[in-house]
């Protein structure tokens, strides 16, 4: 199955089409559950991180021995499954999404993937759920409405343990961040979301308590490690 680089209709290919094709051609076959989720995401235009980013998530979690992951913005639970498999038995992933129908669909996938015992599902505002967490996480993953990215960072940074990670998707925003100073062709909603992502990127790199890198894969993935 060919997986689209991005589910955004006006998305640019960050890595270039030839490189993109090569990267996806190198991927091992995913199991039936992930393949079905990828097909549904493409068919119904549901944004998911895709298998290349999913594998990066697995590496990141395993490299730091992550057992506690908070996911802000989970949709049908595609990335949730990658995190849940990475934390392995005894680990916990908190799923959050405001759409109860997507949460119900995600529960079905979790059951079929054999990871439902590692996932706690919250239906509602992801940042409200995060604000109620009085504990530290190994990883906090951010994939909510882009206008809320700066607020997510402010809430998350104190809830990540030392050596833990803040991970954010779409931080290159189809290349729009490169002309964030202003582009009359952008819709107002795109301008606001782009400004918010640029604000997040600047905040992460400027924060002396974190070491940040942006990986230019798919739509850009930021990884900030707490010192």
N, C-alpha and C. Protein backbone atom coordinates (compact mmCIF):
# COMPACT_ATOMS: atom_id res chain seq x y z
N UNK A 1 0.84 -1.21 0.00
CA UNK A 1 0.00 0.00 0.00
C UNK A 1 0.86 1.25 0.00
N UNK A 2 0.52 2.23 -0.79
CA UNK A 2 1.25 3.50 -0.80
C UNK A 2 0.65 4.41 0.27
N UNK A 3 1.51 4.90 1.17
CA UNK A 3 1.03 5.79 2.23
C UNK A 3 1.38 7.22 1.86
N UNK A 4 0.40 8.11 1.93
CA UNK A 4 0.64 9.51 1.59
C UNK A 4 1.56 10.17 2.60
N UNK A 5 2.40 11.07 2.11
CA UNK A 5 3.33 11.80 2.98
C UNK A 5 2.62 12.64 4.00
N UNK A 6 1.48 13.18 3.62
CA UNK A 6 0.72 14.02 4.55
C UNK A 6 -0.74 13.98 4.17
N UNK A 7 -1.59 14.14 5.15
CA UNK A 7 -3.03 14.16 4.88
C UNK A 7 -3.56 15.58 4.72
N UNK A 8 -2.67 16.54 4.59
CA UNK A 8 -3.12 17.91 4.36
C UNK A 8 -3.15 18.17 2.86
N UNK A 9 -4.27 18.65 2.33
CA UNK A 9 -4.45 18.73 0.88
C UNK A 9 -3.47 19.63 0.17
N UNK A 10 -2.91 20.64 0.85
CA UNK A 10 -1.96 21.55 0.19
C UNK A 10 -0.56 21.35 0.73
N UNK A 11 -0.29 20.16 1.24
CA UNK A 11 1.00 19.90 1.87
C UNK A 11 2.12 19.81 0.84
N UNK A 12 3.29 20.30 1.22
CA UNK A 12 4.48 20.13 0.43
C UNK A 12 5.19 18.86 0.91
N UNK A 13 6.04 18.31 0.06
CA UNK A 13 6.84 17.17 0.45
C UNK A 13 8.16 17.69 0.99
N UNK A 14 8.35 17.63 2.29
CA UNK A 14 9.52 18.23 2.92
C UNK A 14 10.81 17.64 2.38
N UNK A 15 10.85 16.32 2.21
CA UNK A 15 12.09 15.65 1.81
C UNK A 15 12.27 15.55 0.31
N UNK A 16 11.29 15.92 -0.47
CA UNK A 16 11.35 15.72 -1.91
C UNK A 16 10.74 14.39 -2.28
N UNK A 17 10.07 14.33 -3.40
CA UNK A 17 9.30 13.16 -3.77
C UNK A 17 10.15 11.91 -3.93
N UNK A 18 11.33 12.04 -4.56
CA UNK A 18 12.18 10.87 -4.79
C UNK A 18 12.66 10.28 -3.47
N UNK A 19 13.08 11.15 -2.56
CA UNK A 19 13.53 10.68 -1.25
C UNK A 19 12.37 10.07 -0.48
N UNK A 20 11.21 10.70 -0.57
CA UNK A 20 10.03 10.17 0.11
C UNK A 20 9.71 8.76 -0.37
N UNK A 21 9.70 8.56 -1.67
CA UNK A 21 9.42 7.23 -2.21
C UNK A 21 10.43 6.21 -1.71
N UNK A 22 11.69 6.61 -1.66
CA UNK A 22 12.74 5.70 -1.19
C UNK A 22 12.52 5.33 0.27
N UNK A 23 12.22 6.31 1.11
CA UNK A 23 12.02 6.04 2.53
C UNK A 23 10.86 5.08 2.77
N UNK A 24 9.74 5.30 2.08
CA UNK A 24 8.59 4.43 2.27
C UNK A 24 8.84 3.05 1.68
N UNK A 25 9.62 2.97 0.60
CA UNK A 25 9.94 1.67 0.01
C UNK A 25 10.81 0.83 0.94
N UNK A 26 11.57 1.47 1.81
CA UNK A 26 12.45 0.75 2.72
C UNK A 26 11.72 0.16 3.92
N UNK A 27 10.50 0.61 4.17
CA UNK A 27 9.79 0.20 5.38
C UNK A 27 9.39 -1.28 5.35
N UNK A 28 9.58 -1.97 6.48
CA UNK A 28 9.02 -3.33 6.58
C UNK A 28 7.50 -3.26 6.57
N UNK A 29 6.87 -4.36 6.22
CA UNK A 29 5.42 -4.42 6.20
C UNK A 29 4.86 -4.25 7.60
N UNK A 30 3.83 -3.42 7.75
CA UNK A 30 3.16 -3.28 9.04
C UNK A 30 2.14 -4.40 9.22
N UNK A 31 1.72 -4.60 10.46
CA UNK A 31 0.71 -5.62 10.73
C UNK A 31 -0.65 -5.16 10.20
N UNK A 32 -1.61 -6.07 10.25
CA UNK A 32 -2.92 -5.81 9.64
C UNK A 32 -3.63 -4.63 10.27
N UNK A 33 -3.48 -4.44 11.59
CA UNK A 33 -4.17 -3.34 12.27
C UNK A 33 -3.64 -2.00 11.79
N UNK A 34 -2.33 -1.83 11.79
CA UNK A 34 -1.75 -0.56 11.35
C UNK A 34 -2.06 -0.30 9.87
N UNK A 35 -1.99 -1.33 9.06
CA UNK A 35 -2.31 -1.15 7.64
C UNK A 35 -3.75 -0.68 7.45
N UNK A 36 -4.67 -1.26 8.20
CA UNK A 36 -6.07 -0.84 8.09
C UNK A 36 -6.23 0.61 8.53
N UNK A 37 -5.53 1.00 9.59
CA UNK A 37 -5.62 2.38 10.06
C UNK A 37 -5.05 3.35 9.02
N UNK A 38 -3.96 2.96 8.37
CA UNK A 38 -3.39 3.80 7.32
C UNK A 38 -4.36 3.95 6.15
N UNK A 39 -5.02 2.86 5.80
CA UNK A 39 -6.00 2.92 4.72
C UNK A 39 -7.19 3.81 5.08
N UNK A 40 -7.67 3.70 6.32
CA UNK A 40 -8.77 4.53 6.77
C UNK A 40 -8.38 6.01 6.81
N UNK A 41 -7.15 6.27 7.25
CA UNK A 41 -6.68 7.65 7.32
C UNK A 41 -6.64 8.28 5.94
N UNK A 42 -6.17 7.50 4.95
CA UNK A 42 -6.11 8.03 3.59
C UNK A 42 -7.51 8.19 2.99
N UNK A 43 -8.37 7.22 3.24
CA UNK A 43 -9.72 7.24 2.68
C UNK A 43 -10.55 8.37 3.26
N UNK A 44 -10.42 8.59 4.57
CA UNK A 44 -11.28 9.55 5.28
C UNK A 44 -10.57 10.86 5.61
N UNK A 45 -9.35 11.02 5.12
CA UNK A 45 -8.58 12.25 5.35
C UNK A 45 -8.39 12.51 6.84
N UNK A 46 -7.95 11.47 7.56
CA UNK A 46 -7.65 11.59 8.98
C UNK A 46 -6.15 11.77 9.13
N UNK A 47 -5.69 12.87 9.71
CA UNK A 47 -4.24 13.06 9.86
C UNK A 47 -3.66 12.06 10.85
N UNK A 48 -2.66 11.29 10.42
CA UNK A 48 -1.90 10.41 11.29
C UNK A 48 -0.41 10.61 11.00
N UNK A 49 0.45 10.17 11.89
CA UNK A 49 1.88 10.42 11.73
C UNK A 49 2.51 9.54 10.66
N UNK A 50 1.91 8.40 10.37
CA UNK A 50 2.46 7.51 9.37
C UNK A 50 3.56 6.61 9.91
N UNK A 51 3.93 5.59 9.14
CA UNK A 51 4.86 4.57 9.63
C UNK A 51 6.29 5.02 9.83
N UNK A 52 6.79 5.96 9.04
CA UNK A 52 8.16 6.42 9.24
C UNK A 52 8.28 7.12 10.59
N UNK A 53 7.36 8.01 10.88
CA UNK A 53 7.38 8.71 12.16
C UNK A 53 7.06 7.75 13.30
N UNK A 54 6.16 6.81 13.06
CA UNK A 54 5.85 5.82 14.07
C UNK A 54 7.08 5.04 14.51
N UNK A 55 7.93 4.69 13.56
CA UNK A 55 9.16 3.98 13.89
C UNK A 55 10.13 4.87 14.69
N UNK A 56 10.14 6.16 14.37
CA UNK A 56 10.96 7.09 15.15
C UNK A 56 10.46 7.14 16.59
N UNK A 57 9.15 7.18 16.76
CA UNK A 57 8.58 7.18 18.12
C UNK A 57 9.02 5.95 18.90
N UNK A 58 8.99 4.80 18.24
CA UNK A 58 9.42 3.56 18.89
C UNK A 58 10.88 3.67 19.33
N UNK A 59 11.73 4.17 18.46
CA UNK A 59 13.14 4.31 18.80
C UNK A 59 13.33 5.26 19.97
N UNK A 60 12.66 6.40 19.92
CA UNK A 60 12.81 7.39 20.99
C UNK A 60 12.40 6.80 22.34
N UNK A 61 11.26 6.14 22.37
CA UNK A 61 10.76 5.57 23.62
C UNK A 61 11.70 4.49 24.14
N UNK A 62 12.17 3.65 23.26
CA UNK A 62 13.05 2.57 23.70
C UNK A 62 14.42 3.09 24.14
N UNK A 63 14.90 4.14 23.50
CA UNK A 63 16.21 4.70 23.84
C UNK A 63 16.25 5.28 25.25
N UNK A 64 15.13 5.81 25.72
CA UNK A 64 15.13 6.39 27.07
C UNK A 64 14.40 5.50 28.07
N UNK A 65 14.03 4.31 27.64
CA UNK A 65 13.33 3.39 28.54
C UNK A 65 11.98 3.92 29.00
N UNK A 66 11.25 4.56 28.10
CA UNK A 66 9.99 5.20 28.47
C UNK A 66 8.94 4.17 28.91
N UNK A 67 8.23 4.50 29.98
CA UNK A 67 7.12 3.70 30.47
C UNK A 67 5.84 4.50 30.61
N UNK A 68 5.96 5.83 30.65
CA UNK A 68 4.79 6.69 30.83
C UNK A 68 4.76 7.73 29.71
N UNK A 69 3.75 7.65 28.86
CA UNK A 69 3.62 8.55 27.72
C UNK A 69 2.25 9.23 27.78
N UNK A 70 2.25 10.54 27.60
CA UNK A 70 0.99 11.29 27.47
C UNK A 70 0.90 11.77 26.03
N UNK A 71 -0.23 11.46 25.40
CA UNK A 71 -0.44 11.84 24.01
C UNK A 71 -1.56 12.87 23.93
N UNK A 72 -1.21 14.07 23.52
CA UNK A 72 -2.19 15.15 23.37
C UNK A 72 -2.64 15.21 21.92
N UNK A 73 -3.82 14.67 21.67
CA UNK A 73 -4.36 14.62 20.31
C UNK A 73 -4.08 13.26 19.70
N UNK A 74 -5.06 12.35 19.77
CA UNK A 74 -4.80 10.95 19.39
C UNK A 74 -5.61 10.44 18.22
N UNK A 75 -6.71 11.12 17.88
CA UNK A 75 -7.57 10.72 16.75
C UNK A 75 -7.96 9.25 16.85
N UNK A 76 -7.68 8.46 15.82
CA UNK A 76 -8.08 7.05 15.82
C UNK A 76 -7.05 6.16 16.52
N UNK A 77 -6.01 6.76 17.09
CA UNK A 77 -5.09 6.00 17.92
C UNK A 77 -3.91 5.38 17.20
N UNK A 78 -3.59 5.84 15.99
CA UNK A 78 -2.49 5.26 15.23
C UNK A 78 -1.16 5.42 15.96
N UNK A 79 -0.82 6.66 16.30
CA UNK A 79 0.45 6.88 17.02
C UNK A 79 0.41 6.27 18.41
N UNK A 80 -0.79 6.20 19.00
CA UNK A 80 -0.94 5.61 20.33
C UNK A 80 -0.45 4.17 20.35
N UNK A 81 -0.77 3.44 19.30
CA UNK A 81 -0.33 2.04 19.22
C UNK A 81 1.18 1.95 19.13
N UNK A 82 1.81 2.82 18.36
CA UNK A 82 3.28 2.82 18.29
C UNK A 82 3.88 3.08 19.66
N UNK A 83 3.34 4.05 20.38
CA UNK A 83 3.85 4.34 21.73
C UNK A 83 3.61 3.15 22.66
N UNK A 84 2.40 2.58 22.60
CA UNK A 84 2.05 1.49 23.51
C UNK A 84 2.94 0.27 23.30
N UNK A 85 3.23 -0.02 22.06
CA UNK A 85 4.12 -1.15 21.79
C UNK A 85 5.54 -0.85 22.25
N UNK A 86 5.94 0.40 22.17
CA UNK A 86 7.30 0.77 22.57
C UNK A 86 7.49 0.70 24.08
N UNK A 87 6.47 1.09 24.86
CA UNK A 87 6.62 1.06 26.32
C UNK A 87 6.52 -0.36 26.85
N UNK A 88 5.97 -1.26 26.05
CA UNK A 88 5.87 -2.69 26.35
C UNK A 88 5.03 -2.95 27.61
N UNK A 89 5.05 -4.19 28.06
CA UNK A 89 4.22 -4.60 29.19
C UNK A 89 4.60 -3.83 30.45
N UNK A 90 3.60 -3.33 31.15
CA UNK A 90 3.85 -2.54 32.35
C UNK A 90 3.89 -1.05 32.10
N UNK A 91 3.94 -0.67 30.84
CA UNK A 91 3.94 0.75 30.50
C UNK A 91 2.52 1.29 30.38
N UNK A 92 2.42 2.62 30.31
CA UNK A 92 1.11 3.26 30.20
C UNK A 92 1.16 4.41 29.22
N UNK A 93 0.17 4.48 28.37
CA UNK A 93 0.01 5.59 27.43
C UNK A 93 -1.36 6.20 27.67
N UNK A 94 -1.41 7.51 27.81
CA UNK A 94 -2.68 8.22 27.96
C UNK A 94 -3.10 8.77 26.60
N UNK A 95 -4.24 8.31 26.12
CA UNK A 95 -4.84 8.75 24.87
C UNK A 95 -5.81 9.89 25.18
N UNK A 96 -5.80 10.95 24.36
CA UNK A 96 -6.76 12.03 24.53
C UNK A 96 -7.30 12.47 23.16
N UNK A 97 -8.60 12.68 23.10
CA UNK A 97 -9.20 13.23 21.90
C UNK A 97 -10.59 13.76 22.25
N UNK A 98 -11.00 14.80 21.57
CA UNK A 98 -12.28 15.40 21.87
C UNK A 98 -13.46 14.74 21.19
N UNK A 99 -13.20 13.80 20.28
CA UNK A 99 -14.25 13.16 19.50
C UNK A 99 -14.52 11.76 20.05
N UNK A 100 -15.69 11.56 20.64
CA UNK A 100 -16.01 10.28 21.26
C UNK A 100 -16.08 9.15 20.22
N UNK A 101 -16.51 9.47 19.00
CA UNK A 101 -16.59 8.44 17.96
C UNK A 101 -15.20 7.95 17.58
N UNK A 102 -14.25 8.87 17.47
CA UNK A 102 -12.86 8.47 17.17
C UNK A 102 -12.30 7.65 18.33
N UNK A 103 -12.64 8.05 19.56
CA UNK A 103 -12.14 7.31 20.72
C UNK A 103 -12.69 5.88 20.73
N UNK A 104 -13.96 5.72 20.38
CA UNK A 104 -14.55 4.38 20.32
C UNK A 104 -13.86 3.55 19.23
N UNK A 105 -13.61 4.18 18.09
CA UNK A 105 -12.92 3.48 17.01
C UNK A 105 -11.51 3.08 17.46
N UNK A 106 -10.84 3.99 18.16
CA UNK A 106 -9.49 3.71 18.64
C UNK A 106 -9.48 2.52 19.61
N UNK A 107 -10.48 2.47 20.48
CA UNK A 107 -10.55 1.35 21.43
C UNK A 107 -10.58 0.01 20.71
N UNK A 108 -11.32 -0.03 19.62
CA UNK A 108 -11.38 -1.26 18.83
C UNK A 108 -10.02 -1.64 18.27
N UNK A 109 -9.30 -0.65 17.76
CA UNK A 109 -7.96 -0.92 17.24
C UNK A 109 -7.01 -1.37 18.36
N UNK A 110 -7.12 -0.74 19.51
CA UNK A 110 -6.24 -1.10 20.63
C UNK A 110 -6.46 -2.55 21.04
N UNK A 111 -7.73 -2.95 21.07
CA UNK A 111 -8.05 -4.33 21.44
C UNK A 111 -7.45 -5.30 20.43
N UNK A 112 -7.63 -5.00 19.17
CA UNK A 112 -7.13 -5.89 18.12
C UNK A 112 -5.60 -5.92 18.09
N UNK A 113 -4.97 -4.79 18.44
CA UNK A 113 -3.51 -4.72 18.44
C UNK A 113 -2.90 -5.35 19.70
N UNK A 114 -3.75 -5.68 20.68
CA UNK A 114 -3.26 -6.31 21.89
C UNK A 114 -2.59 -5.38 22.87
N UNK A 115 -2.96 -4.09 22.82
CA UNK A 115 -2.30 -3.12 23.71
C UNK A 115 -3.29 -2.35 24.57
N UNK A 116 -4.54 -2.76 24.59
CA UNK A 116 -5.56 -1.98 25.30
C UNK A 116 -5.28 -1.89 26.80
N UNK A 117 -4.58 -2.88 27.36
CA UNK A 117 -4.29 -2.85 28.79
C UNK A 117 -3.23 -1.81 29.15
N UNK A 118 -2.57 -1.25 28.15
CA UNK A 118 -1.52 -0.24 28.39
C UNK A 118 -2.00 1.18 28.11
N UNK A 119 -3.25 1.31 27.68
CA UNK A 119 -3.75 2.61 27.22
C UNK A 119 -4.94 3.05 28.06
N UNK A 120 -4.87 4.29 28.55
CA UNK A 120 -6.00 4.91 29.24
C UNK A 120 -6.60 5.95 28.31
N UNK A 121 -7.89 5.82 28.03
CA UNK A 121 -8.55 6.69 27.06
C UNK A 121 -9.28 7.82 27.79
N UNK A 122 -8.99 9.06 27.38
CA UNK A 122 -9.70 10.24 27.89
C UNK A 122 -10.37 10.94 26.71
N UNK A 123 -11.67 11.16 26.81
CA UNK A 123 -12.39 11.92 25.80
C UNK A 123 -12.61 13.33 26.34
N UNK A 124 -12.11 14.31 25.62
CA UNK A 124 -12.23 15.70 26.08
C UNK A 124 -11.04 16.50 25.61
N UNK A 125 -10.91 17.70 26.15
CA UNK A 125 -9.83 18.60 25.78
C UNK A 125 -8.49 18.06 26.29
N UNK A 126 -7.55 17.83 25.38
CA UNK A 126 -6.27 17.22 25.75
C UNK A 126 -5.50 18.06 26.76
N UNK A 127 -5.53 19.37 26.59
CA UNK A 127 -4.75 20.22 27.49
C UNK A 127 -5.39 20.32 28.86
N UNK A 128 -6.70 20.21 28.92
CA UNK A 128 -7.35 20.15 30.24
C UNK A 128 -6.94 18.88 30.97
N UNK A 129 -6.92 17.78 30.24
CA UNK A 129 -6.48 16.51 30.85
C UNK A 129 -5.03 16.62 31.30
N UNK A 130 -4.20 17.21 30.47
CA UNK A 130 -2.78 17.36 30.84
C UNK A 130 -2.62 18.25 32.06
N UNK A 131 -3.39 19.31 32.14
CA UNK A 131 -3.27 20.23 33.27
C UNK A 131 -3.64 19.57 34.59
N UNK A 132 -4.41 18.49 34.51
CA UNK A 132 -4.83 17.78 35.72
C UNK A 132 -3.82 16.73 36.17
N UNK A 133 -2.79 16.51 35.36
CA UNK A 133 -1.79 15.49 35.69
C UNK A 133 -0.77 16.04 36.68
N UNK A 134 -0.75 15.45 37.87
CA UNK A 134 0.20 15.87 38.91
C UNK A 134 1.35 14.88 39.01
N UNK A 135 1.89 14.53 37.86
CA UNK A 135 3.02 13.60 37.82
C UNK A 135 3.87 13.90 36.60
N UNK A 136 5.01 13.28 36.55
CA UNK A 136 5.90 13.48 35.42
C UNK A 136 5.79 12.32 34.44
N UNK A 137 6.02 12.62 33.18
CA UNK A 137 5.99 11.62 32.12
C UNK A 137 7.37 11.47 31.49
N UNK A 138 7.60 10.31 30.92
CA UNK A 138 8.83 10.11 30.16
C UNK A 138 8.75 10.85 28.82
N UNK A 139 7.56 10.83 28.23
CA UNK A 139 7.35 11.48 26.93
C UNK A 139 5.98 12.14 26.92
N UNK A 140 5.93 13.36 26.44
CA UNK A 140 4.66 14.01 26.12
C UNK A 140 4.67 14.31 24.63
N UNK A 141 3.69 13.77 23.93
CA UNK A 141 3.58 13.95 22.48
C UNK A 141 2.45 14.91 22.17
N UNK A 142 2.73 15.91 21.35
CA UNK A 142 1.76 16.95 21.04
C UNK A 142 1.35 16.89 19.57
N UNK A 143 0.05 16.70 19.34
CA UNK A 143 -0.47 16.67 17.97
C UNK A 143 -1.90 17.20 17.96
N UNK A 144 -2.10 18.32 18.65
CA UNK A 144 -3.43 18.93 18.76
C UNK A 144 -3.58 20.04 17.73
N UNK A 145 -4.65 20.83 17.84
CA UNK A 145 -4.81 22.00 16.98
C UNK A 145 -3.57 22.88 17.11
N UNK A 146 -3.03 23.29 15.99
CA UNK A 146 -1.72 23.95 16.00
C UNK A 146 -1.74 25.29 16.73
N UNK A 147 -2.90 25.96 16.75
CA UNK A 147 -2.98 27.23 17.46
C UNK A 147 -2.71 27.06 18.96
N UNK A 148 -2.88 25.83 19.45
CA UNK A 148 -2.68 25.56 20.88
C UNK A 148 -1.28 25.03 21.20
N UNK A 149 -0.41 24.97 20.23
CA UNK A 149 0.94 24.42 20.47
C UNK A 149 1.72 25.18 21.55
N UNK A 150 1.74 26.51 21.53
CA UNK A 150 2.49 27.22 22.58
C UNK A 150 1.97 26.92 23.98
N UNK A 151 0.65 26.87 24.14
CA UNK A 151 0.08 26.55 25.44
C UNK A 151 0.43 25.11 25.85
N UNK A 152 0.41 24.21 24.89
CA UNK A 152 0.77 22.82 25.19
C UNK A 152 2.20 22.73 25.71
N UNK A 153 3.10 23.48 25.11
CA UNK A 153 4.49 23.50 25.56
C UNK A 153 4.59 24.01 26.99
N UNK A 154 3.89 25.09 27.28
CA UNK A 154 3.95 25.66 28.63
C UNK A 154 3.43 24.68 29.68
N UNK A 155 2.39 23.94 29.34
CA UNK A 155 1.85 22.96 30.27
C UNK A 155 2.74 21.74 30.39
N UNK A 156 3.35 21.34 29.29
CA UNK A 156 4.08 20.07 29.26
C UNK A 156 5.46 20.14 29.89
N UNK A 157 6.16 21.24 29.74
CA UNK A 157 7.58 21.27 30.08
C UNK A 157 7.86 20.92 31.54
N UNK A 158 6.97 21.28 32.46
CA UNK A 158 7.17 20.96 33.87
C UNK A 158 6.68 19.56 34.23
N UNK A 159 6.04 18.89 33.29
CA UNK A 159 5.50 17.56 33.55
C UNK A 159 6.32 16.47 32.86
N UNK A 160 7.50 16.82 32.41
CA UNK A 160 8.41 15.87 31.79
C UNK A 160 9.58 15.63 32.73
N UNK A 161 9.91 14.40 32.97
CA UNK A 161 11.01 14.10 33.89
C UNK A 161 12.34 14.44 33.23
N UNK A 162 13.35 14.63 34.05
CA UNK A 162 14.68 14.92 33.52
C UNK A 162 15.14 13.74 32.66
N UNK A 163 15.59 14.04 31.47
CA UNK A 163 15.95 13.00 30.52
C UNK A 163 14.79 12.57 29.64
N UNK A 164 13.59 13.11 29.94
CA UNK A 164 12.41 12.79 29.15
C UNK A 164 12.28 13.68 27.93
N UNK A 165 11.24 13.44 27.15
CA UNK A 165 11.10 14.09 25.85
C UNK A 165 9.75 14.77 25.67
N UNK A 166 9.80 15.94 25.03
CA UNK A 166 8.61 16.56 24.46
C UNK A 166 8.73 16.38 22.95
N UNK A 167 7.71 15.77 22.35
CA UNK A 167 7.73 15.48 20.92
C UNK A 167 6.51 16.15 20.29
N UNK A 168 6.72 16.86 19.19
CA UNK A 168 5.60 17.55 18.52
C UNK A 168 5.62 17.25 17.03
N UNK A 169 4.45 17.01 16.48
CA UNK A 169 4.32 16.73 15.05
C UNK A 169 3.97 18.00 14.29
N UNK A 170 4.20 17.99 12.98
CA UNK A 170 3.81 19.08 12.06
C UNK A 170 4.54 20.39 12.33
N UNK A 171 5.76 20.34 12.84
CA UNK A 171 6.44 21.59 13.21
C UNK A 171 7.07 22.29 12.01
N UNK A 172 7.06 21.69 10.84
CA UNK A 172 7.46 22.39 9.62
C UNK A 172 6.25 22.81 8.80
N UNK A 173 5.11 22.24 9.12
CA UNK A 173 3.81 22.70 8.61
C UNK A 173 3.82 22.90 7.10
N UNK A 174 4.21 21.85 6.40
CA UNK A 174 4.26 21.86 4.94
C UNK A 174 5.14 22.97 4.38
N UNK A 175 6.14 23.37 5.15
CA UNK A 175 7.06 24.41 4.73
C UNK A 175 6.60 25.82 5.03
N UNK A 176 5.39 25.98 5.56
CA UNK A 176 4.86 27.32 5.80
C UNK A 176 5.69 28.09 6.83
N UNK A 177 6.35 27.36 7.74
CA UNK A 177 7.14 28.05 8.76
C UNK A 177 8.27 28.86 8.14
N UNK A 178 8.69 28.52 6.93
CA UNK A 178 9.80 29.23 6.29
C UNK A 178 9.42 30.63 5.82
N UNK A 179 8.12 30.89 5.70
CA UNK A 179 7.68 32.25 5.36
C UNK A 179 6.66 32.75 6.35
N UNK A 180 6.95 32.49 7.63
CA UNK A 180 6.02 32.86 8.69
C UNK A 180 5.88 34.37 8.86
N UNK A 181 6.84 35.13 8.32
CA UNK A 181 6.77 36.59 8.46
C UNK A 181 5.56 37.17 7.75
N UNK A 182 4.99 36.36 6.84
CA UNK A 182 3.77 36.85 6.18
C UNK A 182 3.67 36.38 4.75
N UNK A 183 2.53 35.87 4.39
CA UNK A 183 2.28 35.44 3.03
C UNK A 183 0.80 35.69 2.73
N UNK A 184 0.52 36.60 1.84
CA UNK A 184 -0.89 36.96 1.57
C UNK A 184 -1.71 35.82 1.00
N UNK A 185 -1.04 34.77 0.49
CA UNK A 185 -1.77 33.65 -0.09
C UNK A 185 -2.31 32.70 0.97
N UNK A 186 -1.80 32.81 2.20
CA UNK A 186 -2.26 31.93 3.27
C UNK A 186 -3.64 32.37 3.76
N UNK A 187 -4.49 31.40 4.04
CA UNK A 187 -5.77 31.68 4.66
C UNK A 187 -5.52 32.16 6.09
N UNK A 188 -6.45 32.95 6.65
CA UNK A 188 -6.26 33.42 8.04
C UNK A 188 -6.00 32.30 9.03
N UNK A 189 -6.70 31.17 8.87
CA UNK A 189 -6.49 30.05 9.79
C UNK A 189 -5.08 29.49 9.64
N UNK A 190 -4.57 29.47 8.40
CA UNK A 190 -3.21 28.99 8.19
C UNK A 190 -2.19 29.95 8.78
N UNK A 191 -2.48 31.24 8.70
CA UNK A 191 -1.56 32.22 9.28
C UNK A 191 -1.47 32.04 10.78
N UNK A 192 -2.59 31.85 11.44
CA UNK A 192 -2.59 31.69 12.89
C UNK A 192 -1.88 30.42 13.31
N UNK A 193 -2.18 29.32 12.62
CA UNK A 193 -1.54 28.05 12.98
C UNK A 193 -0.04 28.11 12.71
N UNK A 194 0.35 28.75 11.61
CA UNK A 194 1.78 28.86 11.29
C UNK A 194 2.50 29.69 12.34
N UNK A 195 1.92 30.80 12.74
CA UNK A 195 2.53 31.65 13.77
C UNK A 195 2.69 30.87 15.08
N UNK A 196 1.69 30.07 15.41
CA UNK A 196 1.74 29.30 16.66
C UNK A 196 2.84 28.26 16.62
N UNK A 197 3.01 27.60 15.48
CA UNK A 197 4.06 26.60 15.36
C UNK A 197 5.42 27.26 15.43
N UNK A 198 5.59 28.39 14.76
CA UNK A 198 6.86 29.12 14.84
C UNK A 198 7.15 29.54 16.28
N UNK A 199 6.13 29.98 16.99
CA UNK A 199 6.31 30.36 18.40
C UNK A 199 6.78 29.16 19.22
N UNK A 200 6.16 28.00 18.99
CA UNK A 200 6.59 26.79 19.70
C UNK A 200 8.04 26.46 19.38
N UNK A 201 8.38 26.45 18.11
CA UNK A 201 9.75 26.10 17.72
C UNK A 201 10.78 27.01 18.37
N UNK A 202 10.49 28.30 18.37
CA UNK A 202 11.41 29.26 18.99
C UNK A 202 11.51 29.02 20.49
N UNK A 203 10.38 28.75 21.12
CA UNK A 203 10.37 28.52 22.58
C UNK A 203 11.18 27.29 22.95
N UNK A 204 11.04 26.22 22.18
CA UNK A 204 11.78 25.00 22.48
C UNK A 204 13.29 25.21 22.35
N UNK A 205 13.71 25.85 21.27
CA UNK A 205 15.14 26.06 21.05
C UNK A 205 15.73 27.05 22.05
N UNK A 206 14.91 27.98 22.53
CA UNK A 206 15.41 29.00 23.46
C UNK A 206 15.44 28.51 24.91
N UNK A 207 14.75 27.43 25.20
CA UNK A 207 14.63 26.95 26.57
C UNK A 207 15.92 26.23 26.99
N UNK A 208 16.62 26.78 27.97
CA UNK A 208 17.90 26.21 28.39
C UNK A 208 17.75 24.89 29.13
N UNK A 209 16.52 24.56 29.53
CA UNK A 209 16.28 23.29 30.22
C UNK A 209 16.05 22.13 29.25
N UNK A 210 16.02 22.45 27.94
CA UNK A 210 15.77 21.42 26.94
C UNK A 210 16.79 21.53 25.81
N UNK A 211 17.08 20.39 25.21
CA UNK A 211 17.91 20.34 24.01
C UNK A 211 17.02 19.87 22.87
N UNK A 212 16.84 20.74 21.86
CA UNK A 212 15.82 20.51 20.83
C UNK A 212 16.42 20.29 19.45
N UNK A 213 15.81 19.38 18.71
CA UNK A 213 16.14 19.13 17.31
C UNK A 213 14.85 18.95 16.54
N UNK A 214 14.80 19.51 15.33
CA UNK A 214 13.67 19.27 14.43
C UNK A 214 14.12 18.29 13.35
N UNK A 215 13.41 17.18 13.25
CA UNK A 215 13.69 16.17 12.24
C UNK A 215 12.84 16.46 11.00
N UNK A 216 13.46 16.70 9.84
CA UNK A 216 12.70 17.05 8.64
C UNK A 216 12.15 15.81 7.93
N UNK A 217 11.34 15.04 8.63
CA UNK A 217 10.67 13.90 8.03
C UNK A 217 9.17 14.16 8.04
N UNK A 218 8.47 13.63 7.01
CA UNK A 218 7.05 13.87 6.80
C UNK A 218 6.77 15.37 6.92
N UNK A 219 6.10 15.81 7.98
CA UNK A 219 5.75 17.23 8.11
C UNK A 219 6.57 17.92 9.21
N UNK A 220 7.66 17.28 9.61
CA UNK A 220 8.54 17.85 10.65
C UNK A 220 8.17 17.37 12.03
N UNK A 221 9.14 16.76 12.72
CA UNK A 221 8.94 16.26 14.08
C UNK A 221 9.97 16.91 14.99
N UNK A 222 9.51 17.59 16.02
CA UNK A 222 10.42 18.21 16.99
C UNK A 222 10.62 17.24 18.15
N UNK A 223 11.87 17.13 18.59
CA UNK A 223 12.21 16.31 19.75
C UNK A 223 13.00 17.19 20.71
N UNK A 224 12.45 17.45 21.88
CA UNK A 224 13.12 18.28 22.90
C UNK A 224 13.37 17.42 24.13
N UNK A 225 14.65 17.24 24.47
CA UNK A 225 15.03 16.41 25.62
C UNK A 225 15.30 17.30 26.83
N UNK A 226 14.68 16.97 27.96
CA UNK A 226 14.86 17.76 29.17
C UNK A 226 16.20 17.42 29.81
N UNK A 227 16.98 18.47 30.07
CA UNK A 227 18.32 18.26 30.62
C UNK A 227 18.24 17.84 32.08
